[in-house]
């Protein structure tokens, strides 16, 4: 939807992800969209260099979020909010689920194996 405006599908994914969650890691974005990490990292760095995003180190990883001082911050966020509102529910749910590791943990566990010691 925004690909024509922002230049690439990965740029669109990065922007929608950060708009939906407020922040994001490159690995998290790549995992949610089931895409390679490298193009996501390149988009994040490109947007950081243009001051659209700010980044801060969180452990070993970089956490990205919108720069509220960006000249067109309000206009960009309004456009992204509108684009998000036009997405289907499955896409919105995919963006809103916070942690895929937690999602994996919510799967039913196998029943414990009973071991009898004589």
N, C-alpha and C. Protein backbone atom coordinates (compact mmCIF):
# COMPACT_ATOMS: atom_id res chain seq x y z
N UNK A 1 0.82 -1.19 0.00
CA UNK A 1 0.00 0.00 0.00
C UNK A 1 0.87 1.27 0.00
N UNK A 2 1.83 1.33 0.89
CA UNK A 2 2.72 2.50 0.97
C UNK A 2 4.00 2.33 0.17
N UNK A 3 4.16 1.18 -0.45
CA UNK A 3 5.39 0.86 -1.15
C UNK A 3 5.75 1.93 -2.18
N UNK A 4 4.77 2.43 -2.89
CA UNK A 4 5.02 3.47 -3.90
C UNK A 4 5.53 4.76 -3.27
N UNK A 5 5.12 5.03 -2.06
CA UNK A 5 5.50 6.27 -1.37
C UNK A 5 6.87 6.13 -0.70
N UNK A 6 7.11 5.01 -0.03
CA UNK A 6 8.34 4.86 0.76
C UNK A 6 9.46 4.15 0.01
N UNK A 7 9.16 3.58 -1.15
CA UNK A 7 10.23 3.05 -1.99
C UNK A 7 10.42 1.55 -2.00
N UNK A 8 10.04 0.85 -0.95
CA UNK A 8 10.21 -0.60 -0.95
C UNK A 8 9.26 -1.26 0.04
N UNK A 9 9.07 -2.54 -0.18
CA UNK A 9 8.18 -3.30 0.71
C UNK A 9 8.75 -3.37 2.12
N UNK A 10 10.08 -3.53 2.22
CA UNK A 10 10.70 -3.61 3.54
C UNK A 10 10.60 -2.29 4.29
N UNK A 11 10.71 -1.18 3.58
CA UNK A 11 10.55 0.13 4.23
C UNK A 11 9.13 0.26 4.77
N UNK A 12 8.16 -0.17 3.99
CA UNK A 12 6.77 -0.13 4.43
C UNK A 12 6.57 -0.99 5.67
N UNK A 13 7.14 -2.18 5.67
CA UNK A 13 7.00 -3.09 6.81
C UNK A 13 7.61 -2.49 8.07
N UNK A 14 8.80 -1.92 7.93
CA UNK A 14 9.48 -1.30 9.08
C UNK A 14 8.62 -0.19 9.66
N UNK A 15 8.13 0.68 8.82
CA UNK A 15 7.33 1.82 9.29
C UNK A 15 6.03 1.38 9.94
N UNK A 16 5.34 0.44 9.34
CA UNK A 16 4.07 -0.03 9.91
C UNK A 16 4.30 -0.74 11.24
N UNK A 17 5.37 -1.52 11.32
CA UNK A 17 5.69 -2.23 12.56
C UNK A 17 5.94 -1.24 13.69
N UNK A 18 6.80 -0.27 13.43
CA UNK A 18 7.14 0.70 14.48
C UNK A 18 5.94 1.58 14.81
N UNK A 19 5.11 1.88 13.83
CA UNK A 19 3.90 2.65 14.10
C UNK A 19 2.97 1.86 15.01
N UNK A 20 2.82 0.57 14.75
CA UNK A 20 1.90 -0.26 15.52
C UNK A 20 2.39 -0.49 16.95
N UNK A 21 3.70 -0.67 17.11
CA UNK A 21 4.23 -1.03 18.43
C UNK A 21 4.95 0.09 19.15
N UNK A 22 5.29 1.14 18.43
CA UNK A 22 6.01 2.24 19.06
C UNK A 22 7.51 2.10 19.00
N UNK A 23 7.98 0.88 18.82
CA UNK A 23 9.42 0.61 18.74
C UNK A 23 9.63 -0.79 18.20
N UNK A 24 10.87 -1.08 17.82
CA UNK A 24 11.14 -2.42 17.33
C UNK A 24 12.61 -2.70 17.11
N UNK A 25 12.93 -3.98 17.17
CA UNK A 25 14.27 -4.49 16.87
C UNK A 25 14.26 -5.05 15.45
N UNK A 26 15.39 -5.00 14.79
CA UNK A 26 15.48 -5.53 13.42
C UNK A 26 15.09 -7.00 13.37
N UNK A 27 15.60 -7.79 14.30
CA UNK A 27 15.29 -9.23 14.28
C UNK A 27 13.81 -9.49 14.50
N UNK A 28 13.20 -8.70 15.35
CA UNK A 28 11.77 -8.85 15.65
C UNK A 28 10.94 -8.52 14.40
N UNK A 29 11.30 -7.46 13.71
CA UNK A 29 10.58 -7.07 12.49
C UNK A 29 10.73 -8.14 11.42
N UNK A 30 11.96 -8.60 11.22
CA UNK A 30 12.21 -9.64 10.22
C UNK A 30 11.45 -10.92 10.55
N UNK A 31 11.41 -11.27 11.81
CA UNK A 31 10.72 -12.49 12.23
C UNK A 31 9.21 -12.38 12.01
N UNK A 32 8.62 -11.27 12.37
CA UNK A 32 7.18 -11.08 12.20
C UNK A 32 6.78 -11.16 10.72
N UNK A 33 7.59 -10.56 9.85
CA UNK A 33 7.25 -10.55 8.43
C UNK A 33 7.88 -11.71 7.66
N UNK A 34 8.56 -12.59 8.38
CA UNK A 34 9.19 -13.77 7.78
C UNK A 34 10.04 -13.39 6.57
N UNK A 35 10.95 -12.46 6.81
CA UNK A 35 11.84 -11.98 5.76
C UNK A 35 13.27 -12.00 6.26
N UNK A 36 14.21 -11.78 5.37
CA UNK A 36 15.62 -11.75 5.75
C UNK A 36 15.92 -10.54 6.63
N UNK A 37 16.88 -10.72 7.51
CA UNK A 37 17.25 -9.66 8.45
C UNK A 37 17.97 -8.50 7.77
N UNK A 38 18.86 -8.79 6.84
CA UNK A 38 19.70 -7.76 6.23
C UNK A 38 18.91 -6.60 5.60
N UNK A 39 17.89 -6.85 4.78
CA UNK A 39 17.15 -5.70 4.22
C UNK A 39 16.42 -4.87 5.27
N UNK A 40 15.98 -5.52 6.32
CA UNK A 40 15.31 -4.80 7.41
C UNK A 40 16.33 -3.89 8.11
N UNK A 41 17.51 -4.43 8.39
CA UNK A 41 18.56 -3.63 9.03
C UNK A 41 18.94 -2.44 8.15
N UNK A 42 19.04 -2.67 6.84
CA UNK A 42 19.40 -1.58 5.93
C UNK A 42 18.34 -0.47 5.95
N UNK A 43 17.08 -0.85 5.97
CA UNK A 43 16.01 0.16 6.01
C UNK A 43 16.04 0.94 7.33
N UNK A 44 16.23 0.22 8.42
CA UNK A 44 16.30 0.89 9.73
C UNK A 44 17.45 1.89 9.77
N UNK A 45 18.61 1.48 9.27
CA UNK A 45 19.77 2.38 9.27
C UNK A 45 19.55 3.57 8.33
N UNK A 46 18.95 3.33 7.17
CA UNK A 46 18.67 4.42 6.23
C UNK A 46 17.74 5.44 6.87
N UNK A 47 16.70 4.94 7.54
CA UNK A 47 15.74 5.84 8.20
C UNK A 47 16.36 6.56 9.39
N UNK A 48 17.30 5.91 10.05
CA UNK A 48 18.01 6.54 11.15
C UNK A 48 18.91 7.67 10.63
N UNK A 49 19.61 7.41 9.53
CA UNK A 49 20.49 8.43 8.95
C UNK A 49 19.71 9.65 8.47
N UNK A 50 18.46 9.45 8.07
CA UNK A 50 17.61 10.56 7.63
C UNK A 50 16.86 11.21 8.79
N UNK A 51 17.14 10.77 10.01
CA UNK A 51 16.54 11.30 11.25
C UNK A 51 15.07 10.96 11.44
N UNK A 52 14.52 10.07 10.62
CA UNK A 52 13.14 9.65 10.81
C UNK A 52 13.03 8.76 12.05
N UNK A 53 14.06 7.95 12.30
CA UNK A 53 14.09 7.07 13.46
C UNK A 53 15.24 7.43 14.37
N UNK A 54 15.07 7.14 15.65
CA UNK A 54 16.17 7.21 16.60
C UNK A 54 16.42 5.79 17.09
N UNK A 55 17.63 5.55 17.56
CA UNK A 55 17.94 4.21 18.05
C UNK A 55 18.65 4.31 19.38
N UNK A 56 18.46 3.27 20.17
CA UNK A 56 19.18 3.19 21.44
C UNK A 56 19.56 1.74 21.65
N UNK A 57 20.69 1.56 22.27
CA UNK A 57 21.19 0.21 22.51
C UNK A 57 20.43 -0.41 23.67
N UNK A 58 20.00 -1.63 23.47
CA UNK A 58 19.29 -2.39 24.50
C UNK A 58 19.96 -3.76 24.57
N UNK A 59 20.89 -3.89 25.51
CA UNK A 59 21.69 -5.12 25.56
C UNK A 59 22.60 -5.14 24.35
N UNK A 60 22.54 -6.22 23.58
CA UNK A 60 23.35 -6.32 22.36
C UNK A 60 22.64 -5.75 21.14
N UNK A 61 21.35 -5.54 21.25
CA UNK A 61 20.54 -5.14 20.10
C UNK A 61 20.25 -3.64 20.09
N UNK A 62 19.86 -3.16 18.91
CA UNK A 62 19.44 -1.77 18.74
C UNK A 62 17.92 -1.71 18.69
N UNK A 63 17.37 -0.81 19.46
CA UNK A 63 15.93 -0.59 19.50
C UNK A 63 15.63 0.70 18.75
N UNK A 64 14.74 0.63 17.77
CA UNK A 64 14.41 1.79 16.94
C UNK A 64 13.02 2.30 17.27
N UNK A 65 12.85 3.62 17.19
CA UNK A 65 11.53 4.24 17.35
C UNK A 65 11.52 5.54 16.56
N UNK A 66 10.32 6.09 16.35
CA UNK A 66 10.22 7.33 15.59
C UNK A 66 10.86 8.47 16.35
N UNK A 67 11.46 9.37 15.60
CA UNK A 67 12.08 10.57 16.16
C UNK A 67 11.01 11.66 16.22
N UNK A 68 10.55 12.03 17.41
CA UNK A 68 9.51 13.06 17.51
C UNK A 68 9.98 14.43 17.03
N UNK A 69 11.28 14.60 16.85
CA UNK A 69 11.82 15.88 16.37
C UNK A 69 11.96 15.92 14.84
N UNK A 70 11.63 14.83 14.19
CA UNK A 70 11.68 14.80 12.73
C UNK A 70 10.72 15.85 12.18
N UNK A 71 11.15 16.58 11.15
CA UNK A 71 10.39 17.72 10.63
C UNK A 71 8.96 17.35 10.22
N UNK A 72 8.77 16.18 9.67
CA UNK A 72 7.45 15.76 9.19
C UNK A 72 6.86 14.66 10.08
N UNK A 73 7.23 14.65 11.33
CA UNK A 73 6.79 13.60 12.26
C UNK A 73 5.27 13.44 12.27
N UNK A 74 4.53 14.52 12.46
CA UNK A 74 3.07 14.44 12.54
C UNK A 74 2.46 13.94 11.24
N UNK A 75 2.96 14.43 10.12
CA UNK A 75 2.42 14.02 8.83
C UNK A 75 2.71 12.54 8.55
N UNK A 76 3.92 12.11 8.85
CA UNK A 76 4.29 10.70 8.63
C UNK A 76 3.45 9.79 9.52
N UNK A 77 3.32 10.14 10.79
CA UNK A 77 2.56 9.27 11.69
C UNK A 77 1.07 9.25 11.32
N UNK A 78 0.53 10.36 10.85
CA UNK A 78 -0.87 10.37 10.40
C UNK A 78 -1.06 9.46 9.19
N UNK A 79 -0.13 9.52 8.26
CA UNK A 79 -0.19 8.66 7.07
C UNK A 79 -0.11 7.19 7.47
N UNK A 80 0.78 6.87 8.39
CA UNK A 80 0.94 5.48 8.83
C UNK A 80 -0.27 5.00 9.63
N UNK A 81 -0.85 5.86 10.44
CA UNK A 81 -2.07 5.49 11.17
C UNK A 81 -3.19 5.16 10.19
N UNK A 82 -3.31 5.96 9.15
CA UNK A 82 -4.34 5.71 8.13
C UNK A 82 -4.05 4.40 7.41
N UNK A 83 -2.80 4.17 7.05
CA UNK A 83 -2.43 2.93 6.36
C UNK A 83 -2.71 1.71 7.24
N UNK A 84 -2.42 1.82 8.53
CA UNK A 84 -2.71 0.71 9.46
C UNK A 84 -4.21 0.46 9.55
N UNK A 85 -4.99 1.52 9.56
CA UNK A 85 -6.44 1.35 9.68
C UNK A 85 -7.04 0.63 8.47
N UNK A 86 -6.36 0.67 7.35
CA UNK A 86 -6.85 0.02 6.13
C UNK A 86 -6.41 -1.44 5.99
N UNK A 87 -5.52 -1.87 6.89
CA UNK A 87 -5.03 -3.26 6.83
C UNK A 87 -6.10 -4.22 7.35
N UNK A 88 -6.01 -5.48 6.92
CA UNK A 88 -6.96 -6.48 7.41
C UNK A 88 -6.62 -6.88 8.85
N UNK A 89 -7.56 -7.51 9.52
CA UNK A 89 -7.40 -7.85 10.94
C UNK A 89 -6.24 -8.81 11.18
N UNK A 90 -6.03 -9.75 10.28
CA UNK A 90 -4.93 -10.71 10.45
C UNK A 90 -3.58 -9.99 10.47
N UNK A 91 -3.43 -9.01 9.60
CA UNK A 91 -2.20 -8.23 9.54
C UNK A 91 -2.02 -7.43 10.83
N UNK A 92 -3.09 -6.82 11.30
CA UNK A 92 -3.02 -6.03 12.54
C UNK A 92 -2.67 -6.91 13.73
N UNK A 93 -3.25 -8.09 13.80
CA UNK A 93 -2.95 -9.01 14.90
C UNK A 93 -1.49 -9.44 14.86
N UNK A 94 -0.99 -9.68 13.66
CA UNK A 94 0.41 -10.06 13.48
C UNK A 94 1.33 -8.98 14.04
N UNK A 95 0.98 -7.74 13.79
CA UNK A 95 1.79 -6.62 14.27
C UNK A 95 1.67 -6.41 15.78
N UNK A 96 0.52 -6.68 16.33
CA UNK A 96 0.28 -6.35 17.73
C UNK A 96 0.78 -7.39 18.72
N UNK A 97 0.99 -8.64 18.29
CA UNK A 97 1.46 -9.65 19.23
C UNK A 97 2.90 -9.33 19.58
N UNK A 98 3.14 -9.03 20.85
CA UNK A 98 4.42 -8.47 21.28
C UNK A 98 5.64 -9.38 21.12
N UNK A 99 5.57 -10.61 21.56
CA UNK A 99 6.78 -11.42 21.61
C UNK A 99 6.51 -12.81 21.07
N UNK A 100 7.20 -13.15 20.00
CA UNK A 100 7.00 -14.47 19.41
C UNK A 100 7.48 -15.58 20.32
N UNK A 101 8.45 -15.30 21.17
CA UNK A 101 8.92 -16.33 22.12
C UNK A 101 7.79 -16.67 23.09
N UNK A 102 7.06 -15.66 23.52
CA UNK A 102 5.93 -15.90 24.41
C UNK A 102 4.85 -16.68 23.67
N UNK A 103 4.64 -16.34 22.41
CA UNK A 103 3.64 -17.04 21.62
C UNK A 103 3.97 -18.53 21.55
N UNK A 104 5.24 -18.86 21.38
CA UNK A 104 5.65 -20.26 21.33
C UNK A 104 5.41 -20.93 22.68
N UNK A 105 5.61 -20.19 23.76
CA UNK A 105 5.42 -20.75 25.09
C UNK A 105 3.96 -21.01 25.39
N UNK A 106 3.06 -20.35 24.70
CA UNK A 106 1.63 -20.53 24.94
C UNK A 106 1.07 -21.80 24.30
N UNK A 107 1.86 -22.44 23.46
CA UNK A 107 1.41 -23.69 22.87
C UNK A 107 1.25 -24.74 23.96
N UNK A 108 0.33 -25.67 23.78
CA UNK A 108 0.14 -26.70 24.81
C UNK A 108 1.41 -27.52 25.01
N UNK A 109 1.72 -27.76 26.25
CA UNK A 109 2.89 -28.56 26.59
C UNK A 109 2.53 -30.03 26.56
N UNK A 110 3.53 -30.84 26.29
CA UNK A 110 3.31 -32.29 26.36
C UNK A 110 3.15 -32.68 27.82
N UNK A 111 2.31 -33.66 28.08
CA UNK A 111 2.16 -34.08 29.48
C UNK A 111 3.48 -34.66 29.99
N UNK A 112 3.77 -34.48 31.27
CA UNK A 112 5.03 -34.99 31.81
C UNK A 112 5.06 -36.52 31.75
N UNK A 113 6.25 -37.01 31.57
CA UNK A 113 6.45 -38.46 31.53
C UNK A 113 6.61 -38.96 32.96
N UNK A 114 5.83 -39.94 33.31
CA UNK A 114 5.94 -40.53 34.66
C UNK A 114 7.05 -41.56 34.68
N UNK A 115 8.01 -41.32 35.50
CA UNK A 115 9.12 -42.25 35.66
C UNK A 115 9.00 -42.87 37.03
N UNK A 116 8.96 -44.18 37.04
CA UNK A 116 8.88 -44.88 38.33
C UNK A 116 10.23 -45.48 38.66
N UNK A 117 10.65 -45.23 39.86
CA UNK A 117 11.91 -45.78 40.33
C UNK A 117 11.58 -46.87 41.32
N UNK A 118 12.08 -48.09 41.07
CA UNK A 118 11.82 -49.22 41.96
C UNK A 118 12.86 -49.31 43.05
